[in-house]
Protein backbone atom coordinates (compact mmCIF):
# COMPACT_ATOMS: atom_id res chain seq x y z
CA UNK A 1 0.04 -0.22 -0.15
CA UNK A 2 1.25 3.37 -0.88
CA UNK A 3 0.18 6.83 0.62
CA UNK A 4 -1.75 7.36 -2.36
CA UNK A 5 -4.61 4.82 -1.02
CA UNK A 6 -7.88 6.16 -0.72
CA UNK A 7 -10.16 6.05 1.93
CA UNK A 8 -12.59 4.29 -0.18
CA UNK A 9 -10.21 0.87 -0.69
CA UNK A 10 -10.88 0.09 3.27
CA UNK A 11 -14.09 1.72 4.24
CA UNK A 12 -16.98 -0.26 5.13
CA UNK A 13 -19.43 0.21 2.18
CA UNK A 14 -22.27 -2.14 3.09
CA UNK A 15 -23.68 -0.30 6.16
CA UNK A 16 -26.22 -1.42 8.61
CA UNK A 17 -28.50 1.65 9.42
CA UNK A 18 -31.45 2.94 10.91
CA UNK A 19 -33.56 5.89 11.32
CA UNK A 20 -34.18 8.46 13.52
CA UNK A 21 -37.59 6.83 14.53
CA UNK A 22 -35.58 3.19 15.36
CA UNK A 23 -36.54 2.02 18.92
CA UNK A 24 -33.58 2.06 21.43
CA UNK A 25 -34.33 -1.58 21.62
CA UNK A 26 -34.24 -2.25 17.86
CA UNK A 27 -30.88 -0.61 17.66
CA UNK A 28 -29.25 -2.61 20.31
CA UNK A 29 -30.64 -5.73 18.57
CA UNK A 30 -29.01 -4.54 15.46
CA UNK A 31 -25.43 -4.02 17.27
CA UNK A 32 -25.99 -7.31 18.87
CA UNK A 33 -27.00 -9.38 15.46
CA UNK A 34 -24.27 -7.67 13.28
CA UNK A 35 -21.65 -7.27 16.23
CA UNK A 36 -21.14 -3.49 15.65
CA UNK A 37 -20.64 -0.74 17.57
CA UNK A 38 -21.88 1.99 15.97
CA UNK A 39 -25.40 2.25 13.74
CA UNK A 40 -25.50 5.48 11.19
CA UNK A 41 -28.92 7.23 11.67
CA UNK A 42 -30.53 8.41 8.81
CA UNK A 43 -33.60 10.92 9.22
CA UNK A 44 -36.73 8.84 8.82
CA UNK A 45 -38.62 11.44 6.63
CA UNK A 46 -35.58 12.25 4.30
CA UNK A 47 -33.10 9.53 4.32
CA UNK A 48 -30.38 12.20 5.05
CA UNK A 49 -27.68 11.27 7.38
CA UNK A 50 -27.55 12.85 10.76
CA UNK A 51 -25.19 10.90 13.02
CA UNK A 52 -24.35 7.92 14.67
CA UNK A 53 -25.67 5.53 17.42
CA UNK A 54 -22.68 3.96 19.51
CA UNK A 55 -22.65 1.29 21.47
CA UNK A 56 -21.47 3.39 24.57
CA UNK A 57 -24.14 5.93 23.77
CA UNK A 58 -27.03 3.30 23.73
CA UNK A 59 -25.47 1.56 26.98
CA UNK A 60 -25.33 4.88 28.93
CA UNK A 61 -28.97 5.71 27.98
CA UNK A 62 -29.83 1.83 29.03
CA UNK A 63 -28.32 2.47 32.16
CA UNK A 64 -30.02 5.83 32.87
CA UNK A 65 -33.70 3.75 32.06
CA UNK A 66 -33.00 1.14 34.07
CA UNK A 67 -32.04 3.58 36.99
CA UNK A 68 -34.91 5.72 36.32
CA UNK A 69 -37.80 2.84 35.29
CA UNK A 70 -36.38 -0.11 36.95
CA UNK A 71 -35.73 -3.40 35.38
CA UNK A 72 -39.62 -4.11 35.40
CA UNK A 73 -40.10 -0.95 32.96
CA UNK A 74 -36.87 -1.15 31.27
CA UNK A 75 -38.06 -2.92 28.12
CA UNK A 76 -41.01 -0.97 27.76
CA UNK A 77 -39.28 2.07 27.87
CA UNK A 78 -36.39 1.19 25.82
CA UNK A 79 -38.95 -0.03 23.01
CA UNK A 80 -40.91 3.28 23.57
CA UNK A 81 -37.54 5.56 23.23
CA UNK A 82 -36.40 6.28 19.57
CA UNK A 83 -32.80 6.90 18.73
CA UNK A 84 -33.49 10.36 17.68
CA UNK A 85 -32.68 11.18 21.47
CA UNK A 86 -29.22 9.23 21.80
CA UNK A 87 -27.81 10.43 18.02
CA UNK A 88 -24.33 11.73 18.11
CA UNK A 89 -24.14 14.27 15.77
CA UNK A 90 -20.40 15.42 16.31
CA UNK A 91 -18.83 13.13 13.93
CA UNK A 92 -15.74 13.59 11.67
CA UNK A 93 -16.14 13.06 7.80
CA UNK A 94 -14.03 12.31 5.46
CA UNK A 95 -14.25 11.74 1.70
CA UNK A 96 -13.83 8.57 -0.31
CA UNK A 97 -10.96 9.95 -2.64
CA UNK A 98 -9.21 11.32 0.74
CA UNK A 99 -5.90 9.93 1.80
CA UNK A 100 -5.95 6.69 4.04
CA UNK A 101 -2.89 7.96 5.54
CA UNK A 102 -4.66 11.21 6.53
CA UNK A 103 -7.49 9.33 7.82
CA UNK A 104 -5.62 6.91 9.94
CA UNK A 105 -3.39 9.59 11.45
CA UNK A 106 -6.70 11.73 12.33
CA UNK A 107 -8.13 8.74 14.02
CA UNK A 108 -4.68 8.30 16.15
CA UNK A 109 -4.25 11.95 16.87
CA UNK A 110 -7.81 12.49 18.27
CA UNK A 111 -8.18 8.85 19.64
CA UNK A 112 -11.61 8.33 17.50
CA UNK A 113 -12.63 4.96 16.66
CA UNK A 114 -14.67 5.81 13.44
CA UNK A 115 -14.89 8.35 10.54
CA UNK A 116 -18.07 8.85 8.67
CA UNK A 117 -17.33 8.72 4.97
CA UNK A 118 -19.52 11.23 2.92
CA UNK A 119 -19.64 11.91 -0.56
CA UNK A 120 -21.51 15.14 -1.50
CA UNK A 121 -23.05 15.07 1.69
CA UNK A 122 -24.47 11.46 1.25
CA UNK A 123 -23.17 8.57 3.53
CA UNK A 124 -21.02 6.16 1.70
CA UNK A 125 -18.91 4.26 4.55
CA UNK A 126 -17.57 4.13 7.67
CA UNK A 127 -13.86 3.81 8.51
CA UNK A 128 -13.07 2.41 11.84
CA UNK A 129 -10.00 1.84 13.78
CA UNK A 130 -10.89 -2.17 13.53
CA UNK A 131 -10.64 -1.46 9.79
CA UNK A 132 -7.04 -0.32 10.24
CA UNK A 133 -6.16 -3.20 12.87
CA UNK A 134 -7.46 -5.75 10.45
CA UNK A 135 -5.41 -4.33 7.39
CA UNK A 136 -2.13 -4.04 9.71
CA UNK A 137 -2.77 -7.90 10.35
CA UNK A 138 -2.91 -8.83 6.76
CA UNK A 139 -0.01 -6.50 5.84
CA UNK A 140 2.26 -8.23 8.62
CA UNK A 141 0.69 -11.50 7.86
CA UNK A 142 1.99 -10.85 4.32
CA UNK A 143 5.35 -10.45 5.14
CA UNK A 144 5.64 -13.77 6.60
């Protein structure tokens, strides 16, 4: 791989998404089912990307709901509340034709776990620190 390698060569393109009207329970199930820690959120009415629901944010909300409503009422509250309430809209985005090296340096320097990949404002992928780890292991394996 060269310094000219692009974000689109490593980003995950087949994304599991939800909408702003997805319940917390449904989002949690998506994360469990697909073994993912972030779910991009699309505005229900327009399909526009608005942010991410993260495992950390969801866990925080689950703990708050459990504390506030108790275990007996937790399931009802989790199904009633939507991800709109916990969207992380403060995300960093790169374009698919941006440098993979620069994106990786940004992740490292800013201790982010994920970059959103937008092409003319449209969500086209995610690039995570786990993607870089997978690449690193592949490159190290290729040396042996």
